[in-house]
N, C-alpha and C. Protein backbone atom coordinates (compact mmCIF):
# COMPACT_ATOMS: atom_id res chain seq x y z
N MET A 1 -41.68 3.36 24.92
CA MET A 1 -40.71 3.58 23.87
C MET A 1 -39.42 3.84 24.53
N PRO A 2 -39.26 4.71 25.30
CA PRO A 2 -37.88 5.32 25.79
C PRO A 2 -37.09 3.77 26.42
N ARG A 3 -37.91 2.81 26.85
CA ARG A 3 -37.18 1.74 27.40
C ARG A 3 -36.50 0.87 26.20
N TYR A 4 -37.44 0.87 25.19
CA TYR A 4 -36.38 0.18 23.97
C TYR A 4 -35.51 1.12 23.09
N GLY A 5 -35.62 2.36 23.51
CA GLY A 5 -34.30 3.17 23.05
C GLY A 5 -33.21 2.84 23.78
N PHE A 6 -33.34 2.69 25.22
CA PHE A 6 -32.04 2.26 25.99
C PHE A 6 -31.39 0.86 25.79
N LEU A 7 -32.66 0.10 25.39
CA LEU A 7 -31.99 -1.18 24.96
C LEU A 7 -31.19 -1.36 23.80
N LEU A 8 -31.86 -0.52 22.88
CA LEU A 8 -31.21 -0.64 21.55
C LEU A 8 -29.68 0.37 21.38
N LEU A 9 -29.85 1.24 22.33
CA LEU A 9 -28.45 1.92 22.66
C LEU A 9 -27.33 0.77 23.13
N TRP A 10 -27.87 0.25 24.21
CA TRP A 10 -27.03 -0.79 24.88
C TRP A 10 -26.46 -1.90 23.78
N LEU A 11 -27.44 -2.53 22.93
CA LEU A 11 -27.06 -3.28 22.00
C LEU A 11 -26.08 -2.71 21.04
N ILE A 12 -26.28 -1.59 20.64
CA ILE A 12 -25.07 -0.83 19.60
C ILE A 12 -23.76 -0.86 20.19
N MET A 13 -23.62 -0.13 21.48
CA MET A 13 -22.68 -0.05 22.27
C MET A 13 -21.87 -1.41 22.51
N SER A 14 -22.84 -2.45 22.84
CA SER A 14 -22.14 -3.60 23.03
C SER A 14 -21.31 -4.39 21.82
N ALA A 15 -22.21 -4.15 20.74
CA ALA A 15 -21.54 -4.54 19.33
C ALA A 15 -20.46 -3.81 18.84
N THR A 16 -20.45 -2.48 19.11
CA THR A 16 -19.18 -1.83 18.90
C THR A 16 -17.88 -2.35 19.82
N MET A 17 -18.24 -2.48 20.99
CA MET A 17 -17.02 -2.58 21.88
C MET A 17 -16.51 -4.08 21.59
N ALA A 18 -17.31 -4.89 21.01
CA ALA A 18 -16.84 -6.41 20.53
C ALA A 18 -16.21 -6.24 19.69
N GLY A 19 -16.52 -5.41 18.46
CA GLY A 19 -15.68 -5.10 17.50
C GLY A 19 -14.28 -4.62 17.78
N CYS A 20 -14.33 -3.96 18.75
CA CYS A 20 -12.57 -3.40 19.03
C CYS A 20 -11.80 -4.35 19.62
N ALA A 21 -12.43 -5.73 19.87
CA ALA A 21 -11.65 -6.61 20.73
C ALA A 21 -10.53 -7.12 19.59
N LEU A 22 -9.38 -7.51 20.25
CA LEU A 22 -8.42 -8.25 19.26
C LEU A 22 -8.67 -9.70 19.08
N PRO A 23 -8.90 -10.21 17.95
CA PRO A 23 -9.54 -11.68 17.86
C PRO A 23 -8.27 -12.69 18.18
N GLY A 24 -9.02 -13.96 18.67
CA GLY A 24 -7.90 -14.99 18.84
C GLY A 24 -7.03 -14.92 20.07
N ALA A 25 -6.56 -13.81 20.75
CA ALA A 25 -5.72 -13.84 21.80
C ALA A 25 -6.09 -12.90 22.64
N THR A 26 -5.65 -13.12 24.03
CA THR A 26 -5.56 -12.40 25.00
C THR A 26 -4.50 -11.18 25.08
N VAL A 27 -4.38 -10.12 25.86
CA VAL A 27 -3.40 -8.97 25.61
C VAL A 27 -2.02 -9.80 26.28
N PRO A 28 -2.08 -10.58 27.36
CA PRO A 28 -0.95 -11.15 27.76
C PRO A 28 -0.29 -12.06 26.69
N GLU A 29 -1.04 -12.79 25.93
CA GLU A 29 -0.64 -13.81 24.91
C GLU A 29 0.11 -12.90 23.89
N LEU A 30 -0.38 -11.79 23.56
CA LEU A 30 0.10 -10.92 22.37
C LEU A 30 1.37 -10.50 22.91
N LEU A 31 1.37 -10.14 24.34
CA LEU A 31 2.69 -9.57 24.55
C LEU A 31 3.78 -10.56 25.08
N ALA A 32 3.35 -12.02 25.02
CA ALA A 32 4.30 -12.76 25.24
C ALA A 32 5.13 -12.98 24.01
N THR A 33 6.80 -13.15 24.35
CA THR A 33 7.51 -13.25 23.16
C THR A 33 8.09 -14.76 23.23
N THR A 34 8.78 -14.93 22.00
CA THR A 34 9.53 -16.32 22.13
C THR A 34 10.74 -15.83 21.59
N PRO A 35 11.94 -16.78 22.19
CA PRO A 35 13.24 -16.32 21.88
C PRO A 35 13.59 -16.20 20.34
N ASP A 36 12.88 -17.02 19.51
CA ASP A 36 13.16 -17.19 18.19
C ASP A 36 12.48 -15.96 17.30
N GLU A 37 11.76 -14.92 17.82
CA GLU A 37 11.11 -14.15 17.15
C GLU A 37 12.09 -13.09 16.44
N PRO A 38 11.84 -12.94 15.11
CA PRO A 38 13.02 -11.81 14.57
C PRO A 38 12.95 -10.63 15.29
N TYR A 39 14.01 -9.70 15.61
CA TYR A 39 13.92 -8.54 16.23
C TYR A 39 13.52 -7.49 15.00
N LEU A 40 12.58 -6.68 15.15
CA LEU A 40 12.11 -5.68 14.39
C LEU A 40 13.00 -4.24 14.77
N LEU A 41 13.49 -3.49 13.74
CA LEU A 41 14.13 -2.33 14.20
C LEU A 41 13.13 -1.16 14.36
N GLY A 42 13.54 -0.31 15.19
CA GLY A 42 12.65 0.88 15.65
C GLY A 42 13.75 2.00 15.87
N ALA A 43 12.81 3.23 15.94
CA ALA A 43 13.62 4.41 16.26
C ALA A 43 14.25 4.22 17.52
N GLY A 44 15.81 5.01 17.25
CA GLY A 44 16.66 4.78 18.41
C GLY A 44 17.57 3.70 18.34
N ASP A 45 17.33 2.72 17.73
CA ASP A 45 18.31 1.66 17.42
C ASP A 45 19.79 2.15 16.78
N ARG A 46 20.72 1.68 17.18
CA ARG A 46 21.90 2.02 16.62
C ARG A 46 22.60 1.04 15.86
N LEU A 47 22.85 1.10 14.57
CA LEU A 47 23.05 -0.17 13.77
C LEU A 47 24.42 0.07 13.40
N ARG A 48 25.41 -1.19 13.30
CA ARG A 48 26.64 -1.05 12.70
C ARG A 48 26.44 -1.65 11.17
N ILE A 49 26.69 -0.89 10.28
CA ILE A 49 26.72 -1.32 9.04
C ILE A 49 28.02 -1.43 8.22
N ILE A 50 28.27 -2.55 7.73
CA ILE A 50 29.59 -2.72 7.20
C ILE A 50 29.29 -3.09 5.73
N VAL A 51 29.93 -2.38 4.87
CA VAL A 51 30.03 -2.62 3.38
C VAL A 51 31.43 -3.18 3.16
N PHE A 52 31.76 -4.40 3.02
CA PHE A 52 32.94 -5.14 2.79
C PHE A 52 33.77 -4.26 1.62
N GLY A 53 34.91 -3.90 1.95
CA GLY A 53 35.63 -3.29 0.98
C GLY A 53 35.32 -1.73 0.46
N GLN A 54 34.56 -1.14 1.19
CA GLN A 54 33.94 0.43 1.34
C GLN A 54 34.03 0.77 2.27
N ASP A 55 35.33 1.18 3.24
CA ASP A 55 35.38 1.72 4.26
C ASP A 55 34.57 3.20 4.48
N ALA A 56 34.38 3.87 3.41
CA ALA A 56 33.91 5.09 3.63
C ALA A 56 32.17 4.87 3.83
N LEU A 57 31.87 3.72 3.52
CA LEU A 57 30.29 3.56 3.75
C LEU A 57 30.30 2.49 5.12
N SER A 58 30.98 2.27 5.42
CA SER A 58 31.11 1.28 6.80
C SER A 58 31.07 2.23 8.08
N ASN A 59 29.99 2.17 8.92
CA ASN A 59 29.79 3.03 9.93
C ASN A 59 28.77 2.66 10.76
N SER A 60 28.48 3.36 11.88
CA SER A 60 27.30 3.39 12.81
C SER A 60 26.11 4.21 12.39
N TYR A 61 25.01 3.82 12.30
CA TYR A 61 23.99 4.62 11.75
C TYR A 61 22.78 4.36 12.95
N THR A 62 22.12 5.53 13.18
CA THR A 62 20.95 5.53 14.24
C THR A 62 19.67 5.59 13.42
N VAL A 63 18.72 4.84 13.69
CA VAL A 63 17.31 4.80 13.09
C VAL A 63 16.72 6.00 13.71
N ASP A 64 16.15 6.86 12.79
CA ASP A 64 15.73 8.43 13.24
C ASP A 64 14.22 8.03 13.58
N GLY A 65 13.74 9.36 14.13
CA GLY A 65 12.29 9.39 14.55
C GLY A 65 11.47 8.72 13.53
N SER A 66 11.61 9.14 12.23
CA SER A 66 10.87 8.86 11.20
C SER A 66 11.05 7.25 10.67
N GLY A 67 11.85 6.46 11.32
CA GLY A 67 12.34 5.07 10.92
C GLY A 67 13.16 4.95 9.96
N HIS A 68 14.18 5.96 9.74
CA HIS A 68 15.03 5.75 8.57
C HIS A 68 16.36 5.89 8.99
N ILE A 69 17.48 5.46 8.29
CA ILE A 69 18.92 5.88 8.18
C ILE A 69 19.07 6.52 6.96
N SER A 70 20.33 7.27 7.31
CA SER A 70 20.52 7.86 6.19
C SER A 70 22.17 7.59 5.84
N MET A 71 22.24 7.03 4.74
CA MET A 71 23.65 6.57 4.25
C MET A 71 24.25 7.37 3.02
N PRO A 72 25.62 7.36 2.91
CA PRO A 72 26.13 8.25 1.86
C PRO A 72 25.96 7.52 0.59
N LEU A 73 25.71 8.23 -0.44
CA LEU A 73 25.38 7.75 -2.04
C LEU A 73 23.90 7.28 -2.06
N ILE A 74 23.33 6.59 -0.96
CA ILE A 74 22.11 6.04 -1.17
C ILE A 74 20.94 6.72 -0.48
N GLY A 75 21.32 7.67 0.25
CA GLY A 75 20.28 8.44 1.23
C GLY A 75 19.67 7.86 2.27
N LEU A 76 18.20 8.00 2.12
CA LEU A 76 17.43 7.69 3.26
C LEU A 76 16.98 6.09 2.96
N VAL A 77 17.01 5.12 3.82
CA VAL A 77 16.65 3.84 3.68
C VAL A 77 16.07 3.38 4.79
N PRO A 78 14.60 3.01 4.67
CA PRO A 78 13.46 2.81 5.56
C PRO A 78 14.07 1.48 6.39
N ALA A 79 14.04 1.77 7.68
CA ALA A 79 14.25 0.59 8.52
C ALA A 79 13.35 0.32 9.60
N LEU A 80 12.38 0.96 9.85
CA LEU A 80 11.39 0.72 10.99
C LEU A 80 10.87 -0.48 10.42
N GLY A 81 10.61 -1.41 11.69
CA GLY A 81 9.74 -2.54 11.49
C GLY A 81 10.44 -3.59 10.72
N ARG A 82 11.48 -3.40 10.14
CA ARG A 82 12.30 -4.51 9.57
C ARG A 82 13.25 -5.18 10.17
N THR A 83 13.94 -6.28 9.63
CA THR A 83 14.86 -7.31 10.42
C THR A 83 16.13 -6.74 10.01
N THR A 84 17.02 -7.08 10.44
CA THR A 84 18.51 -6.56 10.17
C THR A 84 18.96 -7.22 8.69
N GLN A 85 18.36 -8.40 8.46
CA GLN A 85 18.53 -9.19 7.30
C GLN A 85 17.79 -8.40 6.18
N ASP A 86 16.66 -8.04 6.34
CA ASP A 86 15.88 -7.27 5.28
C ASP A 86 16.57 -6.06 4.72
N LEU A 87 16.96 -5.37 5.83
CA LEU A 87 17.75 -4.05 5.55
C LEU A 87 19.02 -4.08 4.98
N GLN A 88 19.89 -5.46 5.17
CA GLN A 88 21.04 -5.51 4.44
C GLN A 88 20.73 -5.68 3.09
N HIS A 89 19.53 -6.43 2.78
CA HIS A 89 19.34 -6.70 1.25
C HIS A 89 18.98 -5.69 0.68
N GLU A 90 18.26 -4.78 1.37
CA GLU A 90 17.85 -3.44 0.99
C GLU A 90 19.18 -2.61 0.49
N ILE A 91 19.95 -2.43 1.40
CA ILE A 91 21.11 -1.69 1.21
C ILE A 91 22.18 -2.08 0.23
N ALA A 92 22.26 -3.52 -0.11
CA ALA A 92 22.80 -4.05 -1.13
C ALA A 92 22.16 -3.50 -2.40
N ALA A 93 20.87 -3.89 -2.37
CA ALA A 93 20.17 -3.65 -3.68
C ALA A 93 20.55 -2.17 -4.10
N LYS A 94 20.28 -1.25 -3.21
CA LYS A 94 20.34 0.14 -3.53
C LYS A 94 21.95 0.43 -3.98
N LEU A 95 22.90 -0.01 -3.34
CA LEU A 95 24.37 0.18 -3.89
C LEU A 95 24.69 -0.39 -5.17
N ARG A 96 23.94 -1.30 -5.41
CA ARG A 96 24.18 -2.30 -6.77
C ARG A 96 23.77 -1.49 -7.84
N ASN A 97 22.98 -0.42 -7.63
CA ASN A 97 22.15 0.30 -8.68
C ASN A 97 23.33 1.53 -8.85
N GLY A 98 24.44 1.22 -9.47
CA GLY A 98 25.54 2.29 -9.88
C GLY A 98 26.42 2.76 -9.12
N PHE A 99 26.67 2.18 -8.04
CA PHE A 99 27.54 2.57 -6.87
C PHE A 99 28.64 1.52 -6.78
N VAL A 100 28.36 0.31 -6.33
CA VAL A 100 29.17 -0.70 -5.88
C VAL A 100 28.85 -2.07 -6.87
N ARG A 101 29.83 -2.54 -7.46
CA ARG A 101 29.61 -3.61 -8.40
C ARG A 101 29.04 -4.68 -7.64
N ASP A 102 29.45 -5.47 -6.58
CA ASP A 102 28.94 -6.72 -5.99
C ASP A 102 29.11 -6.40 -4.34
N PRO A 103 27.73 -5.54 -3.87
CA PRO A 103 28.13 -5.32 -2.48
C PRO A 103 27.97 -6.39 -1.62
N HIS A 104 28.85 -6.47 -0.58
CA HIS A 104 28.40 -7.47 0.39
C HIS A 104 28.32 -6.52 1.83
N VAL A 105 27.11 -6.73 2.21
CA VAL A 105 26.55 -5.83 3.30
C VAL A 105 26.26 -6.66 4.61
N SER A 106 26.70 -6.00 5.81
CA SER A 106 26.30 -6.79 6.91
C SER A 106 25.78 -5.76 8.05
N VAL A 107 24.62 -5.93 8.72
CA VAL A 107 24.02 -5.42 9.39
C VAL A 107 23.77 -6.03 10.98
N GLU A 108 24.38 -5.00 12.03
CA GLU A 108 24.14 -5.45 13.29
C GLU A 108 23.57 -4.63 14.12
N VAL A 109 22.87 -4.87 15.18
CA VAL A 109 22.23 -4.19 16.10
C VAL A 109 23.31 -3.54 17.25
N GLU A 110 23.89 -2.40 17.13
CA GLU A 110 25.03 -2.06 18.15
C GLU A 110 24.56 -1.84 19.37
N ALA A 111 23.57 -1.02 19.33
CA ALA A 111 22.73 -0.71 20.70
C ALA A 111 21.29 -0.57 20.41
N TYR A 112 20.30 -1.34 21.34
CA TYR A 112 19.13 -1.25 21.20
C TYR A 112 18.25 0.03 21.79
N ARG A 113 17.23 0.56 21.16
CA ARG A 113 16.53 1.31 21.66
C ARG A 113 16.15 1.26 23.20
N PRO A 114 15.94 2.26 23.92
CA PRO A 114 15.83 2.13 25.39
C PRO A 114 14.16 1.76 25.76
N PHE A 115 14.18 1.13 26.86
CA PHE A 115 13.02 1.00 27.45
C PHE A 115 12.78 1.91 28.66
N TYR A 116 11.43 1.77 29.03
CA TYR A 116 11.03 2.91 30.08
C TYR A 116 10.36 2.39 31.18
N VAL A 117 10.47 2.84 32.36
CA VAL A 117 9.81 2.52 33.75
C VAL A 117 9.16 3.61 34.35
N LEU A 118 7.81 3.45 34.52
CA LEU A 118 7.16 4.67 34.84
C LEU A 118 6.38 4.05 36.31
N GLY A 119 5.72 4.98 36.92
CA GLY A 119 4.85 4.60 37.96
C GLY A 119 5.51 4.68 39.44
N GLU A 120 5.20 3.75 40.00
CA GLU A 120 5.60 3.63 41.49
C GLU A 120 6.97 2.76 41.67
N VAL A 121 7.85 3.40 41.04
CA VAL A 121 9.37 2.85 41.25
C VAL A 121 10.18 4.24 41.69
N ILE A 122 11.33 3.88 42.38
CA ILE A 122 12.13 4.76 43.07
C ILE A 122 12.93 5.57 41.93
N ASN A 123 13.27 5.39 40.73
CA ASN A 123 13.65 6.20 39.90
C ASN A 123 13.11 5.91 38.37
N ALA A 124 12.18 6.36 38.10
CA ALA A 124 11.39 6.05 36.77
C ALA A 124 12.13 6.98 35.76
N GLY A 125 12.01 6.31 34.57
CA GLY A 125 12.81 7.02 33.53
C GLY A 125 13.12 6.05 32.33
N GLN A 126 14.05 6.42 31.58
CA GLN A 126 14.40 5.74 30.31
C GLN A 126 15.60 5.09 30.65
N TYR A 127 15.95 3.74 30.30
CA TYR A 127 17.00 3.09 30.47
C TYR A 127 17.46 2.29 29.24
N PRO A 128 19.01 1.89 28.97
CA PRO A 128 19.37 1.04 28.12
C PRO A 128 18.92 -0.30 28.08
N TYR A 129 18.68 -0.78 26.86
CA TYR A 129 18.16 -2.09 26.76
C TYR A 129 19.43 -3.05 26.84
N VAL A 130 19.24 -4.38 27.74
CA VAL A 130 20.07 -5.30 27.64
C VAL A 130 19.37 -6.65 27.38
N GLU A 131 20.25 -7.48 26.63
CA GLU A 131 19.66 -8.95 26.47
C GLU A 131 19.18 -9.53 27.88
N GLY A 132 18.16 -10.30 27.64
CA GLY A 132 17.39 -11.26 28.90
C GLY A 132 16.99 -10.34 29.68
N LEU A 133 16.37 -9.34 29.61
CA LEU A 133 15.51 -8.19 30.40
C LEU A 133 14.46 -9.10 30.67
N THR A 134 13.89 -8.83 32.13
CA THR A 134 12.39 -9.09 32.36
C THR A 134 12.16 -7.95 33.22
N ALA A 135 10.55 -7.97 33.36
CA ALA A 135 9.97 -6.73 34.09
C ALA A 135 10.69 -6.76 35.32
N GLN A 136 11.17 -7.61 36.30
CA GLN A 136 11.71 -7.61 37.47
C GLN A 136 13.06 -6.92 37.28
N LYS A 137 13.91 -7.52 36.14
CA LYS A 137 15.28 -6.89 36.36
C LYS A 137 15.09 -5.53 36.01
N ALA A 138 14.04 -5.11 34.81
CA ALA A 138 13.92 -3.57 34.47
C ALA A 138 13.51 -3.00 36.04
N ILE A 139 12.69 -3.32 36.77
CA ILE A 139 12.35 -2.35 38.03
C ILE A 139 13.62 -2.44 38.99
N ALA A 140 14.43 -3.25 39.03
CA ALA A 140 15.61 -3.33 39.76
C ALA A 140 16.30 -2.25 39.21
N ILE A 141 16.68 -2.30 37.73
CA ILE A 141 17.50 -1.14 37.31
C ILE A 141 17.00 0.23 37.62
N ALA A 142 15.46 0.29 37.70
CA ALA A 142 14.95 1.76 38.14
C ALA A 142 15.01 1.94 39.68
N GLY A 143 15.70 1.16 40.20
CA GLY A 143 15.90 1.27 41.67
C GLY A 143 14.60 0.44 42.64
N GLY A 144 14.07 -0.26 41.98
CA GLY A 144 13.17 -0.80 42.84
C GLY A 144 11.80 -0.39 42.76
N PHE A 145 11.03 -1.09 43.64
CA PHE A 145 9.51 -0.60 43.80
C PHE A 145 9.55 0.71 44.84
N SER A 146 8.72 1.60 44.70
CA SER A 146 8.60 2.62 45.75
C SER A 146 7.64 1.75 46.80
N PRO A 147 7.58 2.29 48.01
CA PRO A 147 6.78 1.81 49.26
C PRO A 147 5.43 1.49 48.78
N ARG A 148 4.79 2.34 47.72
CA ARG A 148 3.47 2.45 47.50
C ARG A 148 3.21 1.46 46.19
N GLY A 149 4.47 0.90 45.66
CA GLY A 149 4.34 0.12 44.41
C GLY A 149 3.62 -1.32 44.60
N TYR A 150 2.76 -1.61 43.66
CA TYR A 150 2.21 -2.94 43.59
C TYR A 150 3.01 -3.91 43.10
N GLN A 151 3.64 -5.09 43.90
CA GLN A 151 4.58 -5.84 43.50
C GLN A 151 4.44 -7.12 42.77
N ASP A 152 2.99 -7.34 42.45
CA ASP A 152 2.66 -8.66 41.76
C ASP A 152 2.73 -8.82 40.41
N ALA A 153 2.37 -7.61 39.77
CA ALA A 153 2.42 -7.51 38.23
C ALA A 153 2.64 -6.11 37.97
N VAL A 154 2.95 -6.01 36.70
CA VAL A 154 3.03 -4.69 35.81
C VAL A 154 2.15 -4.46 34.74
N ASP A 155 2.06 -3.20 34.41
CA ASP A 155 1.38 -2.97 33.01
C ASP A 155 2.62 -2.83 32.14
N LEU A 156 2.47 -3.70 31.02
CA LEU A 156 3.40 -3.50 29.76
C LEU A 156 2.87 -3.02 28.56
N THR A 157 3.32 -1.86 27.89
CA THR A 157 2.92 -1.33 26.77
C THR A 157 4.03 -1.49 25.61
N ARG A 158 3.62 -2.14 24.48
CA ARG A 158 4.29 -2.53 23.53
C ARG A 158 3.63 -2.11 22.13
N ASP A 159 4.52 -1.62 21.29
CA ASP A 159 4.29 -1.27 19.99
C ASP A 159 4.07 -2.61 19.24
N MET A 160 2.91 -2.95 18.65
CA MET A 160 2.98 -4.20 17.76
C MET A 160 2.22 -3.72 16.50
N GLY A 161 3.13 -3.86 15.54
CA GLY A 161 2.81 -3.05 14.07
C GLY A 161 2.08 -1.95 13.99
N GLY A 162 2.36 -0.98 14.69
CA GLY A 162 1.88 0.49 14.64
C GLY A 162 0.80 0.55 15.68
N VAL A 163 0.39 -0.57 16.19
CA VAL A 163 -0.72 -0.44 17.45
C VAL A 163 -0.09 -0.65 18.84
N SER A 164 -0.28 0.28 19.60
CA SER A 164 0.06 0.25 20.87
C SER A 164 -0.86 -0.73 21.80
N VAL A 165 0.02 -1.64 22.27
CA VAL A 165 -1.02 -2.88 23.30
C VAL A 165 -0.48 -2.75 24.49
N THR A 166 -1.39 -2.57 25.69
CA THR A 166 -1.15 -2.74 26.84
C THR A 166 -1.78 -3.76 27.73
N GLY A 167 -1.05 -4.34 28.65
CA GLY A 167 -1.46 -5.26 29.19
C GLY A 167 -0.96 -5.66 30.60
N ARG A 168 -1.65 -6.22 31.52
CA ARG A 168 -0.90 -6.51 32.96
C ARG A 168 -0.29 -7.89 32.77
N VAL A 169 1.07 -8.14 33.06
CA VAL A 169 2.01 -9.04 33.18
C VAL A 169 2.65 -9.39 34.30
N PRO A 170 3.03 -10.72 34.34
CA PRO A 170 3.91 -10.97 35.63
C PRO A 170 5.17 -10.59 35.61
N LEU A 171 5.95 -10.41 36.71
CA LEU A 171 7.41 -10.03 36.67
C LEU A 171 8.39 -10.55 36.05
N LEU A 172 8.18 -11.87 35.60
CA LEU A 172 9.08 -12.68 34.92
C LEU A 172 8.85 -12.29 33.54
N GLN A 173 7.97 -11.57 32.82
CA GLN A 173 7.54 -11.50 31.46
C GLN A 173 8.87 -10.78 30.80
N ALA A 174 9.34 -11.28 29.75
CA ALA A 174 10.29 -10.49 28.88
C ALA A 174 10.12 -9.10 28.33
N VAL A 175 11.17 -8.23 28.49
CA VAL A 175 11.03 -6.95 28.10
C VAL A 175 11.64 -6.92 26.92
N ARG A 176 11.12 -6.17 25.96
CA ARG A 176 11.89 -5.59 24.65
C ARG A 176 12.26 -4.18 24.41
N PRO A 177 13.09 -4.13 23.58
CA PRO A 177 13.57 -2.64 23.48
C PRO A 177 12.12 -1.72 22.97
N GLY A 178 12.20 -0.79 23.61
CA GLY A 178 10.93 0.26 23.29
C GLY A 178 9.61 0.10 24.20
N ASP A 179 9.53 -0.97 24.83
CA ASP A 179 8.69 -1.31 25.95
C ASP A 179 8.66 -0.38 27.08
N THR A 180 7.38 -0.04 27.47
CA THR A 180 7.23 0.81 28.77
C THR A 180 6.54 0.04 29.73
N LEU A 181 7.07 -0.05 30.86
CA LEU A 181 6.58 -0.49 32.00
C LEU A 181 5.98 0.41 33.09
N THR A 182 4.92 0.20 33.66
CA THR A 182 4.32 0.98 34.32
C THR A 182 3.91 0.20 35.75
N VAL A 183 4.33 0.89 36.97
CA VAL A 183 4.01 0.13 38.22
C VAL A 183 2.90 0.84 38.64
N ARG A 184 1.85 0.20 38.93
CA ARG A 184 0.49 0.92 39.74
C ARG A 184 0.81 0.79 41.07
N GLU A 185 -0.02 1.69 41.54
CA GLU A 185 0.09 1.99 43.33
C GLU A 185 -0.84 1.14 43.74
N ARG A 186 -0.25 0.26 45.12
CA ARG A 186 -0.93 -0.75 45.71
C ARG A 186 -2.09 -0.20 46.30
N ILE A 187 -3.26 -0.72 46.51
CA ILE A 187 -4.65 -0.28 47.43
C ILE A 187 -4.14 -0.03 48.89
N PHE A 188 -3.52 -1.21 49.43
CA PHE A 188 -3.27 -1.15 50.92
C PHE A 188 -1.91 -1.44 50.92
């Protein structure tokens, strides 16, 4: 009887672990980005918002830790996980409700949220994001690999729709704002 209990436990654990898998794609495929993907705003992004003809409303705004920006007249506006185009439509709609007759709004990312490099690099830390960044360039910004750093691939952690996904990726992998790169220690 104990033998069947072990088998039953093994089957239950296997089924549970299979249910945790992400359907249809491997982690590196999920982390792959294409240039035409729209950028989704996140905490730490600094936005330049222009309301044409309304100098008092036009300014730089930073997405706070809760994912909002705070604007005069309309208060908190949710920005987390939205495109700049979505955000400009919502701001215009809120301004149209009794504040500005026919608002024309422009939203641009002035500065992207930082990325992070951890592990076996010379200067681990937080760095400002720049367009066209790869894992290799990010490691160079962090001072390069330490003598013990594994130099063939890195672990990349990315927030994908509120879920943190980590996978081993090649050095030519594109890095996005908010990503965390971890360089492992090599064995020999």
